[in-house]
N, C-alpha and C. Protein backbone atom coordinates (compact mmCIF):
# COMPACT_ATOMS: atom_id res chain seq x y z
N MET A 1 22.61 38.98 0.04
CA MET A 1 23.36 38.07 -0.81
C MET A 1 22.45 37.66 -1.97
N SER A 2 22.98 37.72 -3.18
CA SER A 2 22.19 37.36 -4.36
C SER A 2 22.07 35.84 -4.45
N PRO A 3 21.09 35.35 -5.21
CA PRO A 3 20.98 33.89 -5.41
C PRO A 3 22.26 33.30 -6.02
N TYR A 4 22.91 34.04 -6.92
CA TYR A 4 24.17 33.58 -7.51
C TYR A 4 25.24 33.42 -6.44
N ASP A 5 25.33 34.42 -5.55
CA ASP A 5 26.32 34.35 -4.47
C ASP A 5 26.06 33.16 -3.56
N THR A 6 24.80 32.88 -3.31
CA THR A 6 24.44 31.74 -2.46
C THR A 6 24.86 30.42 -3.12
N ILE A 7 24.59 30.30 -4.41
CA ILE A 7 24.96 29.08 -5.14
C ILE A 7 26.48 28.93 -5.16
N LEU A 8 27.16 30.04 -5.45
CA LEU A 8 28.63 29.99 -5.48
C LEU A 8 29.19 29.59 -4.12
N ARG A 9 28.66 30.17 -3.05
CA ARG A 9 29.12 29.82 -1.71
C ARG A 9 28.89 28.34 -1.43
N ASP A 10 27.71 27.85 -1.82
CA ASP A 10 27.39 26.43 -1.60
C ASP A 10 28.34 25.52 -2.37
N HIS A 11 28.69 25.90 -3.59
CA HIS A 11 29.59 25.08 -4.40
C HIS A 11 31.00 25.09 -3.83
N VAL A 12 31.47 26.25 -3.43
CA VAL A 12 32.80 26.34 -2.81
C VAL A 12 32.83 25.53 -1.52
N ALA A 13 31.77 25.63 -0.74
CA ALA A 13 31.69 24.87 0.52
C ALA A 13 31.70 23.37 0.26
N LEU A 14 30.99 22.92 -0.78
CA LEU A 14 30.96 21.49 -1.12
C LEU A 14 32.37 20.99 -1.42
N VAL A 15 33.09 21.71 -2.25
CA VAL A 15 34.44 21.29 -2.62
C VAL A 15 35.36 21.33 -1.40
N ALA A 16 35.25 22.36 -0.58
CA ALA A 16 36.09 22.46 0.62
C ALA A 16 35.79 21.33 1.60
N ARG A 17 34.52 20.99 1.78
CA ARG A 17 34.16 19.89 2.68
C ARG A 17 34.67 18.55 2.14
N ALA A 18 34.59 18.38 0.82
CA ALA A 18 35.10 17.14 0.21
C ALA A 18 36.61 17.03 0.40
N ALA A 19 37.32 18.13 0.21
CA ALA A 19 38.79 18.12 0.40
C ALA A 19 39.12 17.78 1.85
N ASP A 20 38.43 18.39 2.78
CA ASP A 20 38.68 18.13 4.19
C ASP A 20 38.39 16.67 4.54
N PHE A 21 37.25 16.16 4.09
CA PHE A 21 36.86 14.78 4.36
C PHE A 21 37.89 13.81 3.79
N ALA A 22 38.27 14.03 2.52
CA ALA A 22 39.23 13.14 1.87
C ALA A 22 40.58 13.18 2.57
N ALA A 23 41.04 14.37 2.95
CA ALA A 23 42.33 14.49 3.63
C ALA A 23 42.31 13.75 4.97
N ARG A 24 41.22 13.87 5.69
CA ARG A 24 41.12 13.18 6.99
C ARG A 24 41.06 11.67 6.81
N ARG A 25 40.30 11.20 5.83
CA ARG A 25 40.17 9.75 5.61
C ARG A 25 41.46 9.12 5.10
N HIS A 26 42.25 9.87 4.38
CA HIS A 26 43.50 9.34 3.80
C HIS A 26 44.74 9.81 4.58
N ALA A 27 44.54 10.35 5.77
CA ALA A 27 45.62 11.02 6.52
C ALA A 27 46.87 10.16 6.71
N ASP A 28 46.72 8.90 6.93
CA ASP A 28 47.87 8.04 7.22
C ASP A 28 48.39 7.29 5.99
N GLN A 29 47.84 7.58 4.82
CA GLN A 29 48.22 6.87 3.61
C GLN A 29 49.31 7.62 2.84
N ARG A 30 50.15 6.86 2.17
CA ARG A 30 51.25 7.40 1.37
C ARG A 30 51.18 6.81 -0.03
N ARG A 31 51.74 7.53 -1.00
CA ARG A 31 51.87 7.01 -2.36
C ARG A 31 52.90 5.90 -2.35
N LYS A 32 52.87 5.05 -3.37
CA LYS A 32 53.79 3.91 -3.45
C LYS A 32 55.20 4.31 -3.90
N GLY A 33 55.35 5.49 -4.46
CA GLY A 33 56.62 5.90 -5.02
C GLY A 33 57.73 6.02 -3.98
N ALA A 34 58.94 6.11 -4.48
CA ALA A 34 60.12 6.20 -3.61
C ALA A 34 60.04 7.41 -2.68
N ALA A 35 59.40 8.49 -3.11
CA ALA A 35 59.29 9.70 -2.28
C ALA A 35 58.25 9.56 -1.17
N ARG A 36 57.38 8.54 -1.27
CA ARG A 36 56.35 8.28 -0.24
C ARG A 36 55.54 9.55 0.07
N GLU A 37 55.10 10.24 -0.95
CA GLU A 37 54.29 11.45 -0.78
C GLU A 37 53.01 11.14 -0.02
N PRO A 38 52.48 12.12 0.68
CA PRO A 38 51.16 11.93 1.29
C PRO A 38 50.13 11.63 0.20
N TYR A 39 49.26 10.68 0.44
CA TYR A 39 48.27 10.28 -0.56
C TYR A 39 47.36 11.44 -0.95
N VAL A 40 47.13 12.34 -0.02
CA VAL A 40 46.24 13.47 -0.30
C VAL A 40 46.75 14.29 -1.49
N ASN A 41 48.06 14.26 -1.77
CA ASN A 41 48.59 14.96 -2.94
C ASN A 41 47.95 14.43 -4.23
N HIS A 42 47.74 13.13 -4.29
CA HIS A 42 47.09 12.51 -5.45
C HIS A 42 45.66 13.03 -5.59
N LEU A 43 44.94 13.06 -4.50
CA LEU A 43 43.55 13.52 -4.53
C LEU A 43 43.46 14.98 -4.95
N ALA A 44 44.37 15.79 -4.43
CA ALA A 44 44.40 17.21 -4.79
C ALA A 44 44.71 17.38 -6.27
N GLU A 45 45.62 16.58 -6.79
CA GLU A 45 45.98 16.69 -8.20
C GLU A 45 44.81 16.29 -9.09
N VAL A 46 44.12 15.22 -8.75
CA VAL A 46 42.96 14.80 -9.54
C VAL A 46 41.89 15.89 -9.53
N ALA A 47 41.58 16.43 -8.36
CA ALA A 47 40.58 17.49 -8.26
C ALA A 47 41.00 18.73 -9.05
N ALA A 48 42.26 19.10 -8.97
CA ALA A 48 42.76 20.28 -9.69
C ALA A 48 42.70 20.06 -11.21
N LEU A 49 43.07 18.88 -11.66
CA LEU A 49 42.98 18.58 -13.09
C LEU A 49 41.54 18.72 -13.58
N LEU A 50 40.61 18.25 -12.80
CA LEU A 50 39.20 18.35 -13.18
C LEU A 50 38.75 19.81 -13.19
N ALA A 51 39.11 20.55 -12.16
CA ALA A 51 38.72 21.96 -12.07
C ALA A 51 39.31 22.77 -13.22
N ASP A 52 40.52 22.44 -13.61
CA ASP A 52 41.23 23.20 -14.64
C ASP A 52 40.79 22.89 -16.06
N THR A 53 40.15 21.74 -16.28
CA THR A 53 39.91 21.31 -17.66
C THR A 53 38.44 21.15 -18.05
N VAL A 54 37.52 21.33 -17.14
CA VAL A 54 36.11 21.20 -17.51
C VAL A 54 35.65 22.47 -18.23
N ASP A 55 34.71 22.31 -19.14
CA ASP A 55 34.22 23.44 -19.91
C ASP A 55 33.39 24.40 -19.07
N ALA A 56 32.64 23.87 -18.13
CA ALA A 56 31.80 24.70 -17.26
C ALA A 56 32.08 24.32 -15.81
N PRO A 57 32.04 25.27 -14.90
CA PRO A 57 32.29 24.95 -13.48
C PRO A 57 31.38 23.80 -13.02
N ASN A 58 31.97 22.86 -12.31
CA ASN A 58 31.22 21.69 -11.87
C ASN A 58 31.74 21.27 -10.49
N ALA A 59 31.12 21.83 -9.46
CA ALA A 59 31.54 21.55 -8.09
C ALA A 59 31.36 20.08 -7.73
N TRP A 60 30.33 19.44 -8.26
CA TRP A 60 30.10 18.03 -7.95
C TRP A 60 31.24 17.18 -8.49
N LEU A 61 31.70 17.49 -9.69
CA LEU A 61 32.80 16.74 -10.28
C LEU A 61 34.09 16.94 -9.49
N VAL A 62 34.40 18.17 -9.13
CA VAL A 62 35.63 18.44 -8.38
C VAL A 62 35.56 17.79 -7.00
N ALA A 63 34.41 17.86 -6.36
CA ALA A 63 34.24 17.18 -5.06
C ALA A 63 34.45 15.67 -5.21
N ALA A 64 33.88 15.09 -6.27
CA ALA A 64 34.05 13.65 -6.51
C ALA A 64 35.52 13.33 -6.80
N GLY A 65 36.22 14.26 -7.45
CA GLY A 65 37.66 14.06 -7.66
C GLY A 65 38.41 13.93 -6.35
N TRP A 66 38.07 14.78 -5.40
CA TRP A 66 38.69 14.68 -4.07
C TRP A 66 38.35 13.35 -3.41
N LEU A 67 37.14 12.86 -3.62
CA LEU A 67 36.62 11.71 -2.88
C LEU A 67 36.74 10.39 -3.64
N HIS A 68 37.30 10.40 -4.85
CA HIS A 68 37.18 9.23 -5.73
C HIS A 68 37.74 7.93 -5.15
N ASP A 69 38.65 7.99 -4.22
CA ASP A 69 39.23 6.77 -3.64
C ASP A 69 38.72 6.46 -2.23
N THR A 70 37.81 7.25 -1.70
CA THR A 70 37.43 7.05 -0.29
C THR A 70 36.72 5.72 -0.05
N VAL A 71 35.81 5.33 -0.92
CA VAL A 71 35.09 4.07 -0.70
C VAL A 71 36.06 2.91 -0.90
N GLU A 72 36.88 3.00 -1.93
CA GLU A 72 37.82 1.93 -2.27
C GLU A 72 38.91 1.74 -1.22
N ASP A 73 39.40 2.84 -0.65
CA ASP A 73 40.61 2.77 0.18
C ASP A 73 40.43 3.07 1.66
N THR A 74 39.26 3.53 2.08
CA THR A 74 39.15 3.95 3.49
C THR A 74 37.98 3.36 4.24
N GLY A 75 37.18 2.56 3.60
CA GLY A 75 36.03 2.00 4.30
C GLY A 75 34.84 2.93 4.37
N THR A 76 34.92 4.08 3.73
CA THR A 76 33.79 5.00 3.65
C THR A 76 32.71 4.32 2.81
N THR A 77 31.45 4.54 3.16
CA THR A 77 30.35 3.92 2.41
C THR A 77 29.70 4.91 1.46
N HIS A 78 29.02 4.36 0.47
CA HIS A 78 28.25 5.17 -0.46
C HIS A 78 27.18 5.95 0.29
N GLU A 79 26.56 5.32 1.25
CA GLU A 79 25.52 5.97 2.04
C GLU A 79 26.07 7.16 2.82
N GLU A 80 27.26 7.00 3.36
CA GLU A 80 27.91 8.08 4.09
C GLU A 80 28.18 9.27 3.15
N LEU A 81 28.71 8.98 1.97
CA LEU A 81 28.97 10.05 1.00
C LEU A 81 27.67 10.72 0.57
N THR A 82 26.62 9.94 0.37
CA THR A 82 25.34 10.52 -0.02
C THR A 82 24.84 11.48 1.06
N GLY A 83 24.94 11.07 2.31
CA GLY A 83 24.49 11.92 3.40
C GLY A 83 25.29 13.21 3.54
N LEU A 84 26.56 13.13 3.27
CA LEU A 84 27.44 14.30 3.44
C LEU A 84 27.53 15.19 2.21
N PHE A 85 27.47 14.58 1.01
CA PHE A 85 27.77 15.34 -0.20
C PHE A 85 26.68 15.25 -1.27
N GLY A 86 25.63 14.48 -1.01
CA GLY A 86 24.54 14.35 -1.97
C GLY A 86 24.73 13.18 -2.91
N HIS A 87 23.63 12.83 -3.57
CA HIS A 87 23.66 11.63 -4.42
C HIS A 87 24.49 11.82 -5.68
N VAL A 88 24.57 13.04 -6.22
CA VAL A 88 25.35 13.24 -7.45
C VAL A 88 26.82 12.90 -7.20
N VAL A 89 27.38 13.45 -6.13
CA VAL A 89 28.79 13.19 -5.80
C VAL A 89 28.99 11.72 -5.44
N ALA A 90 28.13 11.19 -4.58
CA ALA A 90 28.27 9.80 -4.14
C ALA A 90 28.16 8.83 -5.31
N ASP A 91 27.24 9.10 -6.23
CA ASP A 91 27.08 8.21 -7.38
C ASP A 91 28.28 8.29 -8.32
N LEU A 92 28.87 9.47 -8.47
CA LEU A 92 30.09 9.59 -9.28
C LEU A 92 31.22 8.78 -8.65
N VAL A 93 31.39 8.90 -7.34
CA VAL A 93 32.43 8.13 -6.66
C VAL A 93 32.17 6.64 -6.85
N ALA A 94 30.92 6.21 -6.70
CA ALA A 94 30.59 4.79 -6.87
C ALA A 94 30.92 4.32 -8.29
N GLU A 95 30.70 5.19 -9.26
CA GLU A 95 30.93 4.82 -10.66
C GLU A 95 32.41 4.58 -10.96
N VAL A 96 33.31 5.19 -10.20
CA VAL A 96 34.74 5.01 -10.45
C VAL A 96 35.43 4.13 -9.42
N THR A 97 34.66 3.54 -8.53
CA THR A 97 35.22 2.70 -7.46
C THR A 97 35.36 1.26 -7.91
N ASP A 98 36.55 0.70 -7.70
CA ASP A 98 36.81 -0.71 -7.99
C ASP A 98 36.27 -1.58 -6.85
N ASP A 99 35.90 -2.79 -7.18
CA ASP A 99 35.48 -3.77 -6.19
C ASP A 99 36.74 -4.47 -5.67
N LYS A 100 37.19 -4.07 -4.48
CA LYS A 100 38.44 -4.58 -3.92
C LYS A 100 38.36 -6.05 -3.51
N SER A 101 37.16 -6.65 -3.55
CA SER A 101 37.06 -8.07 -3.23
C SER A 101 37.53 -8.93 -4.41
N LEU A 102 37.67 -8.32 -5.58
CA LEU A 102 38.14 -9.04 -6.76
C LEU A 102 39.67 -9.02 -6.82
N PRO A 103 40.26 -10.03 -7.46
CA PRO A 103 41.71 -10.00 -7.65
C PRO A 103 42.11 -8.79 -8.50
N LYS A 104 43.34 -8.33 -8.29
CA LYS A 104 43.81 -7.12 -8.97
C LYS A 104 43.70 -7.23 -10.49
N ALA A 105 44.09 -8.35 -11.05
CA ALA A 105 44.04 -8.51 -12.50
C ALA A 105 42.60 -8.39 -13.02
N GLU A 106 41.67 -8.91 -12.27
CA GLU A 106 40.25 -8.82 -12.66
C GLU A 106 39.76 -7.38 -12.56
N ARG A 107 40.15 -6.67 -11.52
CA ARG A 107 39.77 -5.25 -11.38
C ARG A 107 40.31 -4.44 -12.55
N LYS A 108 41.53 -4.71 -12.94
CA LYS A 108 42.14 -3.98 -14.06
C LYS A 108 41.42 -4.30 -15.37
N ARG A 109 41.07 -5.56 -15.57
CA ARG A 109 40.35 -5.96 -16.78
C ARG A 109 38.99 -5.27 -16.84
N ILE A 110 38.31 -5.23 -15.71
CA ILE A 110 36.99 -4.61 -15.64
C ILE A 110 37.07 -3.11 -15.92
N GLN A 111 38.12 -2.45 -15.43
CA GLN A 111 38.26 -1.02 -15.71
C GLN A 111 38.32 -0.76 -17.21
N VAL A 112 39.10 -1.56 -17.91
CA VAL A 112 39.22 -1.40 -19.36
C VAL A 112 37.87 -1.67 -20.03
N GLU A 113 37.23 -2.76 -19.63
CA GLU A 113 35.97 -3.18 -20.23
C GLU A 113 34.85 -2.15 -20.01
N ARG A 114 34.78 -1.58 -18.82
CA ARG A 114 33.66 -0.69 -18.48
C ARG A 114 33.90 0.79 -18.78
N ALA A 115 35.13 1.16 -19.06
CA ALA A 115 35.44 2.59 -19.29
C ALA A 115 34.55 3.23 -20.35
N PRO A 116 34.32 2.59 -21.49
CA PRO A 116 33.52 3.26 -22.52
C PRO A 116 32.06 3.51 -22.11
N HIS A 117 31.60 2.82 -21.08
CA HIS A 117 30.20 2.89 -20.67
C HIS A 117 29.96 3.82 -19.48
N LYS A 118 31.01 4.48 -19.03
CA LYS A 118 30.90 5.41 -17.90
C LYS A 118 30.26 6.72 -18.35
N SER A 119 29.74 7.46 -17.40
CA SER A 119 29.22 8.80 -17.68
C SER A 119 30.39 9.71 -18.06
N PRO A 120 30.13 10.81 -18.75
CA PRO A 120 31.23 11.72 -19.09
C PRO A 120 32.02 12.20 -17.87
N ASP A 121 31.34 12.49 -16.76
CA ASP A 121 32.06 12.94 -15.56
C ASP A 121 32.93 11.83 -14.98
N ALA A 122 32.42 10.60 -14.97
CA ALA A 122 33.22 9.47 -14.47
C ALA A 122 34.43 9.23 -15.38
N LYS A 123 34.25 9.38 -16.67
CA LYS A 123 35.38 9.25 -17.60
C LYS A 123 36.44 10.31 -17.30
N ALA A 124 36.00 11.52 -17.03
CA ALA A 124 36.96 12.59 -16.70
C ALA A 124 37.74 12.25 -15.44
N ILE A 125 37.06 11.73 -14.42
CA ILE A 125 37.75 11.33 -13.19
C ILE A 125 38.76 10.23 -13.49
N LYS A 126 38.37 9.25 -14.28
CA LYS A 126 39.28 8.15 -14.63
C LYS A 126 40.54 8.69 -15.32
N ILE A 127 40.35 9.60 -16.28
CA ILE A 127 41.50 10.15 -16.99
C ILE A 127 42.39 10.94 -16.03
N ALA A 128 41.79 11.79 -15.21
CA ALA A 128 42.57 12.58 -14.25
C ALA A 128 43.32 11.68 -13.27
N ASP A 129 42.69 10.61 -12.83
CA ASP A 129 43.33 9.65 -11.93
C ASP A 129 44.54 9.01 -12.59
N LYS A 130 44.38 8.61 -13.84
CA LYS A 130 45.50 7.98 -14.55
C LYS A 130 46.62 8.98 -14.81
N ILE A 131 46.28 10.25 -15.10
CA ILE A 131 47.31 11.27 -15.27
C ILE A 131 48.13 11.39 -14.00
N SER A 132 47.46 11.51 -12.87
CA SER A 132 48.16 11.65 -11.61
C SER A 132 49.06 10.45 -11.33
N ASN A 133 48.55 9.27 -11.60
CA ASN A 133 49.36 8.06 -11.38
C ASN A 133 50.58 8.02 -12.30
N LEU A 134 50.40 8.40 -13.55
CA LEU A 134 51.53 8.40 -14.49
C LEU A 134 52.56 9.46 -14.09
N ARG A 135 52.09 10.62 -13.68
CA ARG A 135 53.02 11.66 -13.23
C ARG A 135 53.82 11.18 -12.02
N SER A 136 53.16 10.48 -11.13
CA SER A 136 53.84 9.95 -9.95
C SER A 136 54.88 8.90 -10.37
N LEU A 137 54.52 8.04 -11.31
CA LEU A 137 55.48 7.04 -11.80
C LEU A 137 56.69 7.71 -12.43
N ALA A 138 56.45 8.80 -13.16
CA ALA A 138 57.55 9.49 -13.83
C ALA A 138 58.47 10.20 -12.83
N SER A 139 57.90 10.76 -11.78
CA SER A 139 58.71 11.54 -10.84
C SER A 139 59.25 10.71 -9.68
N SER A 140 58.54 9.65 -9.31
CA SER A 140 58.95 8.87 -8.14
C SER A 140 58.42 7.44 -8.25
N PRO A 141 58.99 6.65 -9.16
CA PRO A 141 58.49 5.27 -9.27
C PRO A 141 58.78 4.47 -8.00
N PRO A 142 57.92 3.51 -7.68
CA PRO A 142 58.21 2.65 -6.52
C PRO A 142 59.55 1.94 -6.71
N ASP A 143 60.26 1.79 -5.63
CA ASP A 143 61.58 1.15 -5.67
C ASP A 143 61.53 -0.26 -6.26
N ASP A 144 60.44 -0.97 -6.02
CA ASP A 144 60.35 -2.36 -6.46
C ASP A 144 59.73 -2.52 -7.86
N TRP A 145 59.54 -1.41 -8.58
CA TRP A 145 59.00 -1.48 -9.94
C TRP A 145 60.15 -1.37 -10.94
N ASP A 146 60.32 -2.41 -11.75
CA ASP A 146 61.31 -2.34 -12.81
C ASP A 146 60.69 -1.72 -14.06
N ARG A 147 61.50 -1.57 -15.09
CA ARG A 147 61.06 -0.93 -16.33
C ARG A 147 59.82 -1.62 -16.90
N THR A 148 59.80 -2.93 -16.90
CA THR A 148 58.69 -3.68 -17.47
C THR A 148 57.39 -3.38 -16.73
N ARG A 149 57.45 -3.32 -15.42
CA ARG A 149 56.23 -3.06 -14.65
C ARG A 149 55.71 -1.65 -14.90
N VAL A 150 56.60 -0.69 -14.99
CA VAL A 150 56.18 0.69 -15.29
C VAL A 150 55.54 0.74 -16.68
N LEU A 151 56.18 0.14 -17.66
CA LEU A 151 55.64 0.15 -19.01
C LEU A 151 54.31 -0.61 -19.09
N ASP A 152 54.17 -1.68 -18.34
CA ASP A 152 52.90 -2.40 -18.29
C ASP A 152 51.79 -1.51 -17.73
N TYR A 153 52.12 -0.72 -16.69
CA TYR A 153 51.13 0.18 -16.12
C TYR A 153 50.73 1.25 -17.16
N VAL A 154 51.71 1.80 -17.86
CA VAL A 154 51.42 2.82 -18.87
C VAL A 154 50.50 2.25 -19.94
N THR A 155 50.81 1.06 -20.41
CA THR A 155 50.00 0.41 -21.44
C THR A 155 48.58 0.16 -20.95
N TRP A 156 48.44 -0.32 -19.72
CA TRP A 156 47.12 -0.56 -19.15
C TRP A 156 46.36 0.76 -19.00
N ALA A 157 47.00 1.80 -18.49
CA ALA A 157 46.35 3.10 -18.33
C ALA A 157 45.87 3.61 -19.68
N GLU A 158 46.66 3.42 -20.72
CA GLU A 158 46.25 3.83 -22.07
C GLU A 158 45.01 3.07 -22.51
N SER A 159 44.91 1.81 -22.14
CA SER A 159 43.73 1.02 -22.49
C SER A 159 42.48 1.53 -21.79
N VAL A 160 42.62 1.90 -20.53
CA VAL A 160 41.48 2.46 -19.80
C VAL A 160 41.07 3.79 -20.43
N VAL A 161 42.03 4.65 -20.66
CA VAL A 161 41.74 5.98 -21.19
C VAL A 161 41.20 5.91 -22.62
N ALA A 162 41.59 4.90 -23.38
CA ALA A 162 41.05 4.74 -24.74
C ALA A 162 39.53 4.67 -24.70
N GLY A 163 38.99 4.05 -23.67
CA GLY A 163 37.54 3.96 -23.53
C GLY A 163 36.89 5.21 -23.00
N CYS A 164 37.70 6.17 -22.58
CA CYS A 164 37.19 7.42 -22.02
C CYS A 164 37.33 8.60 -22.99
N ARG A 165 37.97 8.36 -24.11
CA ARG A 165 38.25 9.46 -25.04
C ARG A 165 36.96 10.03 -25.63
N GLY A 166 37.08 11.31 -26.03
CA GLY A 166 35.93 12.00 -26.58
C GLY A 166 35.14 12.76 -25.53
N THR A 167 35.65 12.78 -24.31
CA THR A 167 34.97 13.41 -23.19
C THR A 167 35.57 14.76 -22.85
N ASN A 168 36.91 14.83 -22.81
CA ASN A 168 37.59 16.05 -22.36
C ASN A 168 38.94 16.12 -23.08
N ALA A 169 38.97 16.89 -24.15
CA ALA A 169 40.18 16.96 -24.99
C ALA A 169 41.39 17.45 -24.20
N ALA A 170 41.19 18.40 -23.29
CA ALA A 170 42.31 18.91 -22.51
C ALA A 170 42.91 17.82 -21.63
N LEU A 171 42.06 17.08 -20.94
CA LEU A 171 42.57 15.98 -20.11
C LEU A 171 43.24 14.92 -20.96
N GLU A 172 42.67 14.61 -22.10
CA GLU A 172 43.25 13.59 -22.97
C GLU A 172 44.65 14.00 -23.44
N SER A 173 44.83 15.26 -23.75
CA SER A 173 46.14 15.76 -24.15
C SER A 173 47.15 15.66 -23.00
N ILE A 174 46.73 16.04 -21.81
CA ILE A 174 47.61 15.94 -20.64
C ILE A 174 47.95 14.48 -20.37
N PHE A 175 46.96 13.60 -20.53
CA PHE A 175 47.23 12.17 -20.35
C PHE A 175 48.30 11.70 -21.33
N ASP A 176 48.16 12.05 -22.60
CA ASP A 176 49.13 11.61 -23.61
C ASP A 176 50.54 12.10 -23.26
N GLN A 177 50.65 13.34 -22.83
CA GLN A 177 51.95 13.88 -22.42
C GLN A 177 52.50 13.13 -21.21
N SER A 178 51.62 12.81 -20.27
CA SER A 178 52.04 12.10 -19.05
C SER A 178 52.49 10.68 -19.37
N ALA A 179 51.80 10.01 -20.28
CA ALA A 179 52.20 8.66 -20.68
C ALA A 179 53.57 8.69 -21.37
N ASP A 180 53.77 9.68 -22.24
CA ASP A 180 55.07 9.81 -22.90
C ASP A 180 56.18 10.06 -21.87
N ALA A 181 55.91 10.92 -20.90
CA ALA A 181 56.91 11.22 -19.87
C ALA A 181 57.22 9.99 -19.03
N ALA A 182 56.23 9.21 -18.69
CA ALA A 182 56.46 7.99 -17.88
C ALA A 182 57.29 6.98 -18.67
N ARG A 183 57.05 6.89 -19.95
CA ARG A 183 57.84 5.96 -20.78
C ARG A 183 59.31 6.38 -20.85
N ARG A 184 59.56 7.67 -20.89
CA ARG A 184 60.95 8.16 -21.03
C ARG A 184 61.75 8.01 -19.76
N VAL A 185 61.11 7.98 -18.61
CA VAL A 185 61.83 7.94 -17.34
C VAL A 185 62.49 6.59 -17.12
N VAL A 186 61.84 5.56 -17.55
CA VAL A 186 62.36 4.22 -17.25
C VAL A 186 63.32 3.72 -18.29
């Protein structure tokens, strides 16, 4: 096996292990939308968006896309991710993780405030996450969300992504299309 083949195998294995770990940790979770999709669909979409739009292959970024909600939503620790996936992946996940001990409005404000200061890879994850959320709102909004709440989410997502622009033109274009689609549905 050539050194290139070894590296490629290691990168594929990293992404596969991240997908498996994320699916197991989120196994009982569902999206908020009326369709109640398995939450893992969101993680897969974020990872796929990252894989499809980066200029150069980046297994660490795609793995972090799979894992981006594990610390926030499943009780997984940064130390656990570091041990399983390395510090690059764990640090990316930490960079996009909200502090759930804060009130929701404060977490949302902090996302907007800190977005411009994120690393390029963290910005890409944020944009991909917002794309997936907007697509979900457009295809299956939660039953208890009225037009105003959907539009408020779109406006807030645009504020977060405004601080991430200049990182990935392809993701930014997909985001803009997704925001337009979410606005038209309601």
